[in-house]
Amino acid sequence: MPILGVIGGAGVGAAARLYELVCARVRSRTGALPRLALWNLPLRDELERSIVRGIPDAEVDRLLSEAFDRLGVAEADVVAMPCDSLQLAAAAQAARRGVNFVEEIEATARAAGERAVLIATEGTIAGILYEDRDVELASPAPELQRRVGQLIGRAAAGSPPDAREMRELIERARRPGAAVVVGATDLCGLLDPADAAHLDVVESLGVLADAVADALLVAA
């Protein structure tokens, strides 16, 4: 089985959940667990807040470069990073090295359908990271985006919203004929599965886990 390299730190809970989801998917299809190496970005609180807000910082590129270097030493065959705000920066680092990087945003856009409302960080929305992805995405109203930011901040601090709060958020974000994409990985896995299906929710972390499992099996 190939080695999966996971870059964590920009959402500690998201990295832990990705590990669980990928292991479950690979085990169900092969009867065995994957080999995995994790490198955690040592983010300062101030830098993490800058990432969420989409404020450029040269230290991010340095930390991502170090992460790819370390996972290269671990001989990772496939690399993934559960963080929407840093996907483009991580993909650029991977491209320079010829690394098989599973891009979360690309996979999520494919799963979203033709129209969707995006629940994500300010940085993801301001950076137009889903542009030119064959999906028409709308952003929440400013008041609701502030609420999204509050919930992401709570989740990053270790006090994530509960299923009721997530349902309320999704219901406020919904628009006719559009799915709701939870791009913020820190908010994934918190909604009751029955509600997620009923409300036509696409969670980026689950989509990423599917794509990573597929990539590992293809590389096997």
C-alpha atoms as a PDB file:
ATOM      1  CA  MET A   1       0.000   0.000   0.000  1.00  0.00           C
ATOM      2  CA  PRO A   2       1.355   3.478  -0.886  1.00  0.00           C
ATOM      3  CA  ILE A   3       2.128   5.978   1.866  1.00  0.00           C
ATOM      4  CA  LEU A   4      -0.263   8.870   2.440  1.00  0.00           C
ATOM      5  CA  GLY A   5       1.251  12.112   3.656  1.00  0.00           C
ATOM      6  CA  VAL A   6      -1.123  14.464   5.505  1.00  0.00           C
ATOM      7  CA  ILE A   7      -0.282  18.097   6.216  1.00  0.00           C
ATOM      8  CA  GLY A   8      -2.076  19.095   9.393  1.00  0.00           C
ATOM      9  CA  GLY A   9      -2.014  22.098  11.674  1.00  0.00           C
ATOM     10  CA  ALA A  10      -4.304  24.410   9.713  1.00  0.00           C
ATOM     11  CA  GLY A  11      -7.266  22.792  11.416  1.00  0.00           C
ATOM     12  CA  VAL A  12      -6.055  20.132  13.848  1.00  0.00           C
ATOM     13  CA  GLY A  13      -9.484  18.526  14.154  1.00  0.00           C
ATOM     14  CA  ALA A  14      -9.841  18.346  10.376  1.00  0.00           C
ATOM     15  CA  ALA A  15      -6.547  16.469  10.024  1.00  0.00           C
ATOM     16  CA  ALA A  16      -7.617  13.987  12.702  1.00  0.00           C
ATOM     17  CA  ARG A  17     -10.989  13.425  11.017  1.00  0.00           C
ATOM     18  CA  LEU A  18      -9.348  13.012   7.607  1.00  0.00           C
ATOM     19  CA  TYR A  19      -7.160  10.271   9.093  1.00  0.00           C
ATOM     20  CA  GLU A  20     -10.239   8.471  10.425  1.00  0.00           C
ATOM     21  CA  LEU A  21     -12.232   8.859   7.203  1.00  0.00           C
ATOM     22  CA  VAL A  22      -9.440   7.701   4.895  1.00  0.00           C
ATOM     23  CA  CYS A  23      -8.657   4.708   7.110  1.00  0.00           C
ATOM     24  CA  ALA A  24     -12.326   3.673   7.123  1.00  0.00           C
ATOM     25  CA  ARG A  25     -12.627   3.998   3.336  1.00  0.00           C
ATOM     26  CA  VAL A  26      -9.424   2.114   2.562  1.00  0.00           C
ATOM     27  CA  ARG A  27     -10.164  -0.612   5.082  1.00  0.00           C
ATOM     28  CA  SER A  28     -13.675  -1.160   3.683  1.00  0.00           C
ATOM     29  CA  ARG A  29     -12.225  -1.654   0.203  1.00  0.00           C
ATOM     30  CA  THR A  30      -9.037  -3.581   0.961  1.00  0.00           C
ATOM     31  CA  GLY A  31      -9.417  -5.116   4.416  1.00  0.00           C
ATOM     32  CA  ALA A  32      -6.290  -3.279   5.581  1.00  0.00           C
ATOM     33  CA  LEU A  33      -5.294   0.123   6.925  1.00  0.00           C
ATOM     34  CA  PRO A  34      -3.181   2.524   4.856  1.00  0.00           C
ATOM     35  CA  ARG A  35       0.342   3.614   5.714  1.00  0.00           C
ATOM     36  CA  LEU A  36       0.312   7.256   6.740  1.00  0.00           C
ATOM     37  CA  ALA A  37       2.703  10.017   7.754  1.00  0.00           C
ATOM     38  CA  LEU A  38       1.513  13.269   9.337  1.00  0.00           C
ATOM     39  CA  TRP A  39       3.385  16.556   9.408  1.00  0.00           C
ATOM     40  CA  ASN A  40       1.791  19.250  11.555  1.00  0.00           C
ATOM     41  CA  LEU A  41       2.367  22.875  10.590  1.00  0.00           C
ATOM     42  CA  PRO A  42       3.599  24.692  13.734  1.00  0.00           C
ATOM     43  CA  LEU A  43       1.301  27.666  13.196  1.00  0.00           C
ATOM     44  CA  ARG A  44       1.320  30.593  15.589  1.00  0.00           C
ATOM     45  CA  ASP A  45      -2.170  31.780  16.575  1.00  0.00           C
ATOM     46  CA  GLU A  46      -1.572  35.104  14.836  1.00  0.00           C
ATOM     47  CA  LEU A  47      -0.544  33.385  11.601  1.00  0.00           C
ATOM     48  CA  GLU A  48      -3.557  31.063  11.711  1.00  0.00           C
ATOM     49  CA  ARG A  49      -5.860  34.077  12.013  1.00  0.00           C
ATOM     50  CA  SER A  50      -4.141  35.650   9.006  1.00  0.00           C
ATOM     51  CA  ILE A  51      -4.716  32.480   6.983  1.00  0.00           C
ATOM     52  CA  VAL A  52      -8.414  32.446   7.817  1.00  0.00           C
ATOM     53  CA  ARG A  53      -8.712  36.087   6.737  1.00  0.00           C
ATOM     54  CA  GLY A  54      -6.749  35.570   3.535  1.00  0.00           C
ATOM     55  CA  ILE A  55      -3.859  37.850   4.552  1.00  0.00           C
ATOM     56  CA  PRO A  56      -0.652  36.834   2.680  1.00  0.00           C
ATOM     57  CA  ASP A  57       2.378  35.891   4.767  1.00  0.00           C
ATOM     58  CA  ALA A  58       5.698  34.568   3.460  1.00  0.00           C
ATOM     59  CA  GLU A  59       5.977  32.301   6.498  1.00  0.00           C
ATOM     60  CA  VAL A  60       3.133  30.163   5.137  1.00  0.00           C
ATOM     61  CA  ASP A  61       5.145  29.209   2.047  1.00  0.00           C
ATOM     62  CA  ARG A  62       8.167  28.422   4.203  1.00  0.00           C
ATOM     63  CA  LEU A  63       6.126  26.150   6.463  1.00  0.00           C
ATOM     64  CA  LEU A  64       4.476  24.401   3.522  1.00  0.00           C
ATOM     65  CA  SER A  65       7.869  23.882   1.894  1.00  0.00           C
ATOM     66  CA  GLU A  66       9.137  22.308   5.094  1.00  0.00           C
ATOM     67  CA  ALA A  67       6.054  20.067   5.255  1.00  0.00           C
ATOM     68  CA  PHE A  68       6.580  18.743   1.729  1.00  0.00           C
ATOM     69  CA  ASP A  69      10.275  18.232   2.447  1.00  0.00           C
ATOM     70  CA  ARG A  70       9.498  16.206   5.574  1.00  0.00           C
ATOM     71  CA  LEU A  71       6.848  14.108   3.829  1.00  0.00           C
ATOM     72  CA  GLY A  72       9.327  13.540   1.023  1.00  0.00           C
ATOM     73  CA  VAL A  73      11.741  12.076   3.547  1.00  0.00           C
ATOM     74  CA  ALA A  74       8.878   9.835   4.707  1.00  0.00           C
ATOM     75  CA  GLU A  75       8.521   8.724   1.055  1.00  0.00           C
ATOM     76  CA  ALA A  76       4.863   9.749   0.838  1.00  0.00           C
ATOM     77  CA  ASP A  77       3.336   8.706  -2.492  1.00  0.00           C
ATOM     78  CA  VAL A  78       0.159  10.784  -2.120  1.00  0.00           C
ATOM     79  CA  VAL A  79      -0.206  14.032  -0.155  1.00  0.00           C
ATOM     80  CA  ALA A  80      -3.350  15.792   1.062  1.00  0.00           C
ATOM     81  CA  MET A  81      -4.062  18.816   3.219  1.00  0.00           C
ATOM     82  CA  PRO A  82      -7.491  19.369   4.813  1.00  0.00           C
ATOM     83  CA  CYS A  83      -7.558  23.172   4.667  1.00  0.00           C
ATOM     84  CA  ASP A  84      -9.471  25.122   2.031  1.00  0.00           C
ATOM     85  CA  SER A  85      -7.627  28.399   2.586  1.00  0.00           C
ATOM     86  CA  LEU A  86      -4.178  26.935   1.798  1.00  0.00           C
ATOM     87  CA  GLN A  87      -5.113  24.591  -1.059  1.00  0.00           C
ATOM     88  CA  LEU A  88      -3.674  26.690  -3.871  1.00  0.00           C
ATOM     89  CA  ALA A  89      -0.441  27.383  -2.008  1.00  0.00           C
ATOM     90  CA  ALA A  90      -0.032  23.693  -1.173  1.00  0.00           C
ATOM     91  CA  ALA A  91      -0.882  22.640  -4.746  1.00  0.00           C
ATOM     92  CA  ALA A  92       1.789  25.022  -6.058  1.00  0.00           C
ATOM     93  CA  GLN A  93       4.391  23.513  -3.725  1.00  0.00           C
ATOM     94  CA  ALA A  94       3.386  20.023  -4.853  1.00  0.00           C
ATOM     95  CA  ALA A  95       3.563  20.935  -8.545  1.00  0.00           C
ATOM     96  CA  ARG A  96       7.108  22.250  -8.157  1.00  0.00           C
ATOM     97  CA  ARG A  97       8.138  18.912  -6.658  1.00  0.00           C
ATOM     98  CA  GLY A  98       6.114  16.638  -8.934  1.00  0.00           C
ATOM     99  CA  VAL A  99       4.187  15.343  -5.903  1.00  0.00           C
ATOM    100  CA  ASN A 100       0.817  13.584  -6.285  1.00  0.00           C
ATOM    101  CA  PHE A 101      -1.302  16.107  -4.363  1.00  0.00           C
ATOM    102  CA  VAL A 102      -5.025  15.487  -3.944  1.00  0.00           C
ATOM    103  CA  GLU A 103      -6.598  18.925  -4.173  1.00  0.00           C
ATOM    104  CA  GLU A 104      -9.567  19.359  -1.869  1.00  0.00           C
ATOM    105  CA  ILE A 105     -11.155  22.267  -3.754  1.00  0.00           C
ATOM    106  CA  GLU A 106     -11.028  20.549  -7.123  1.00  0.00           C
ATOM    107  CA  ALA A 107     -12.660  17.402  -5.724  1.00  0.00           C
ATOM    108  CA  THR A 108     -15.300  19.400  -3.834  1.00  0.00           C
ATOM    109  CA  ALA A 109     -16.213  21.497  -6.862  1.00  0.00           C
ATOM    110  CA  ARG A 110     -16.807  18.331  -8.878  1.00  0.00           C
ATOM    111  CA  ALA A 111     -19.130  16.999  -6.171  1.00  0.00           C
ATOM    112  CA  ALA A 112     -21.066  20.260  -5.758  1.00  0.00           C
ATOM    113  CA  GLY A 113     -23.064  20.076  -8.978  1.00  0.00           C
ATOM    114  CA  GLU A 114     -23.905  23.142 -11.055  1.00  0.00           C
ATOM    115  CA  ARG A 115     -24.911  25.600  -8.295  1.00  0.00           C
ATOM    116  CA  ALA A 116     -24.020  25.846  -4.616  1.00  0.00           C
ATOM    117  CA  VAL A 117     -23.658  28.174  -1.652  1.00  0.00           C
ATOM    118  CA  LEU A 118     -20.163  28.121  -0.156  1.00  0.00           C
ATOM    119  CA  ILE A 119     -19.595  27.984   3.609  1.00  0.00           C
ATOM    120  CA  ALA A 120     -15.909  28.809   3.994  1.00  0.00           C
ATOM    121  CA  THR A 121     -13.338  31.118   5.542  1.00  0.00           C
ATOM    122  CA  GLU A 122     -13.037  34.751   4.551  1.00  0.00           C
ATOM    123  CA  GLY A 123      -9.720  33.868   2.919  1.00  0.00           C
ATOM    124  CA  THR A 124     -11.263  31.196   0.698  1.00  0.00           C
ATOM    125  CA  ILE A 125     -14.090  33.457  -0.436  1.00  0.00           C
ATOM    126  CA  ALA A 126     -11.923  36.558  -0.904  1.00  0.00           C
ATOM    127  CA  GLY A 127      -9.318  34.518  -2.788  1.00  0.00           C
ATOM    128  CA  ILE A 128     -11.959  33.182  -5.196  1.00  0.00           C
ATOM    129  CA  LEU A 129     -10.404  29.746  -4.795  1.00  0.00           C
ATOM    130  CA  TYR A 130     -13.345  28.006  -6.461  1.00  0.00           C
ATOM    131  CA  GLU A 131     -13.218  30.215  -9.574  1.00  0.00           C
ATOM    132  CA  ASP A 132     -13.184  28.414 -12.958  1.00  0.00           C
ATOM    133  CA  ARG A 133     -14.246  25.111 -11.382  1.00  0.00           C
ATOM    134  CA  ASP A 134     -17.411  24.480 -13.455  1.00  0.00           C
ATOM    135  CA  VAL A 135     -19.698  25.300 -10.558  1.00  0.00           C
ATOM    136  CA  GLU A 136     -21.621  28.511  -9.915  1.00  0.00           C
ATOM    137  CA  LEU A 137     -20.944  29.404  -6.290  1.00  0.00           C
ATOM    138  CA  ALA A 138     -22.654  32.020  -4.170  1.00  0.00           C
ATOM    139  CA  SER A 139     -21.343  33.422  -0.901  1.00  0.00           C
ATOM    140  CA  PRO A 140     -23.499  33.849   2.225  1.00  0.00           C
ATOM    141  CA  ALA A 141     -24.864  37.283   3.075  1.00  0.00           C
ATOM    142  CA  PRO A 142     -22.394  39.397   5.111  1.00  0.00           C
ATOM    143  CA  GLU A 143     -24.223  38.805   8.390  1.00  0.00           C
ATOM    144  CA  LEU A 144     -24.222  35.059   7.836  1.00  0.00           C
ATOM    145  CA  GLN A 145     -20.550  35.105   6.777  1.00  0.00           C
ATOM    146  CA  ARG A 146     -19.718  36.725  10.102  1.00  0.00           C
ATOM    147  CA  ARG A 147     -21.532  33.852  11.806  1.00  0.00           C
ATOM    148  CA  VAL A 148     -19.515  31.371   9.735  1.00  0.00           C
ATOM    149  CA  GLY A 149     -16.327  33.089  10.887  1.00  0.00           C
ATOM    150  CA  GLN A 150     -17.413  32.847  14.517  1.00  0.00           C
ATOM    151  CA  LEU A 151     -18.120  29.127  14.240  1.00  0.00           C
ATOM    152  CA  ILE A 152     -14.834  28.443  12.461  1.00  0.00           C
ATOM    153  CA  GLY A 153     -13.006  30.353  15.183  1.00  0.00           C
ATOM    154  CA  ARG A 154     -14.717  28.303  17.873  1.00  0.00           C
ATOM    155  CA  ALA A 155     -13.904  25.048  16.113  1.00  0.00           C
ATOM    156  CA  ALA A 156     -10.249  26.022  15.691  1.00  0.00           C
ATOM    157  CA  ALA A 157     -10.106  26.827  19.410  1.00  0.00           C
ATOM    158  CA  GLY A 158     -11.430  23.391  20.322  1.00  0.00           C
ATOM    159  CA  SER A 159     -15.089  24.253  20.930  1.00  0.00           C
ATOM    160  CA  PRO A 160     -16.876  23.356  17.684  1.00  0.00           C
ATOM    161  CA  PRO A 161     -20.549  24.081  17.059  1.00  0.00           C
ATOM    162  CA  ASP A 162     -23.025  21.295  17.753  1.00  0.00           C
ATOM    163  CA  ALA A 163     -25.338  19.634  15.244  1.00  0.00           C
ATOM    164  CA  ARG A 164     -28.181  22.048  16.014  1.00  0.00           C
ATOM    165  CA  GLU A 165     -26.031  25.106  15.354  1.00  0.00           C
ATOM    166  CA  MET A 166     -24.791  23.585  12.106  1.00  0.00           C
ATOM    167  CA  ARG A 167     -28.330  22.827  10.954  1.00  0.00           C
ATOM    168  CA  GLU A 168     -29.370  26.413  11.676  1.00  0.00           C
ATOM    169  CA  LEU A 169     -26.376  27.695   9.717  1.00  0.00           C
ATOM    170  CA  ILE A 170     -27.125  25.474   6.718  1.00  0.00           C
ATOM    171  CA  GLU A 171     -30.811  26.352   6.710  1.00  0.00           C
ATOM    172  CA  ARG A 172     -29.980  30.065   6.673  1.00  0.00           C
ATOM    173  CA  ALA A 173     -27.510  29.567   3.829  1.00  0.00           C
ATOM    174  CA  ARG A 174     -29.754  27.488   1.557  1.00  0.00           C
ATOM    175  CA  ARG A 175     -30.994  28.796  -1.786  1.00  0.00           C
ATOM    176  CA  PRO A 176     -33.434  27.186  -4.225  1.00  0.00           C
ATOM    177  CA  GLY A 177     -31.817  24.787  -6.661  1.00  0.00           C
ATOM    178  CA  ALA A 178     -28.410  24.950  -4.999  1.00  0.00           C
ATOM    179  CA  ALA A 179     -26.425  22.609  -2.781  1.00  0.00           C
ATOM    180  CA  VAL A 180     -24.620  23.901   0.299  1.00  0.00           C
ATOM    181  CA  VAL A 181     -20.874  23.269   0.227  1.00  0.00           C
ATOM    182  CA  VAL A 182     -19.146  23.190   3.610  1.00  0.00           C
ATOM    183  CA  GLY A 183     -15.685  24.149   2.414  1.00  0.00           C
ATOM    184  CA  ALA A 184     -14.390  24.979   5.893  1.00  0.00           C
ATOM    185  CA  THR A 185     -12.979  21.620   6.982  1.00  0.00           C
ATOM    186  CA  ASP A 186     -13.175  22.579  10.661  1.00  0.00           C
ATOM    187  CA  LEU A 187     -16.981  22.579  10.286  1.00  0.00           C
ATOM    188  CA  CYS A 188     -17.205  19.233   8.493  1.00  0.00           C
ATOM    189  CA  GLY A 189     -18.587  16.166  10.252  1.00  0.00           C
ATOM    190  CA  LEU A 190     -20.546  18.222  12.781  1.00  0.00           C
ATOM    191  CA  LEU A 191     -23.933  18.084  11.053  1.00  0.00           C
ATOM    192  CA  ASP A 192     -26.207  15.114  11.670  1.00  0.00           C
ATOM    193  CA  PRO A 193     -25.815  12.780   8.628  1.00  0.00           C
ATOM    194  CA  ALA A 194     -29.587  12.649   8.104  1.00  0.00           C
ATOM    195  CA  ASP A 195     -29.729  16.453   8.050  1.00  0.00           C
ATOM    196  CA  ALA A 196     -26.787  16.600   5.642  1.00  0.00           C
ATOM    197  CA  ALA A 197     -28.604  14.337   3.179  1.00  0.00           C
ATOM    198  CA  HIS A 198     -31.939  16.124   3.579  1.00  0.00           C
ATOM    199  CA  LEU A 199     -30.428  19.600   3.181  1.00  0.00           C
ATOM    200  CA  ASP A 200     -28.283  18.667   0.147  1.00  0.00           C
ATOM    201  CA  VAL A 201     -24.972  19.362   1.883  1.00  0.00           C
ATOM    202  CA  VAL A 202     -21.583  18.597   0.337  1.00  0.00           C
ATOM    203  CA  GLU A 203     -18.837  18.395   2.959  1.00  0.00           C
ATOM    204  CA  SER A 204     -15.360  19.022   1.591  1.00  0.00           C
ATOM    205  CA  LEU A 205     -13.639  16.770   4.126  1.00  0.00           C
ATOM    206  CA  GLY A 206     -15.697  13.725   3.163  1.00  0.00           C
ATOM    207  CA  VAL A 207     -15.138  14.458  -0.526  1.00  0.00           C
ATOM    208  CA  LEU A 208     -11.384  14.786   0.104  1.00  0.00           C
ATOM    209  CA  ALA A 209     -11.332  11.475   1.968  1.00  0.00           C
ATOM    210  CA  ASP A 210     -13.017   9.755  -0.993  1.00  0.00           C
ATOM    211  CA  ALA A 211     -10.518  11.265  -3.415  1.00  0.00           C
ATOM    212  CA  VAL A 212      -7.536  10.340  -1.236  1.00  0.00           C
ATOM    213  CA  ALA A 213      -8.705   6.744  -0.880  1.00  0.00           C
ATOM    214  CA  ASP A 214      -9.127   6.523  -4.651  1.00  0.00           C
ATOM    215  CA  ALA A 215      -5.638   7.978  -5.199  1.00  0.00           C
ATOM    216  CA  LEU A 216      -4.059   5.490  -2.796  1.00  0.00           C
ATOM    217  CA  LEU A 217      -5.699   2.532  -4.478  1.00  0.00           C
ATOM    218  CA  VAL A 218      -4.723   3.752  -7.935  1.00  0.00           C
ATOM    219  CA  ALA A 219      -1.127   4.170  -6.788  1.00  0.00           C
ATOM    220  CA  ALA A 220      -1.052   0.712  -5.203  1.00  0.00           C
END
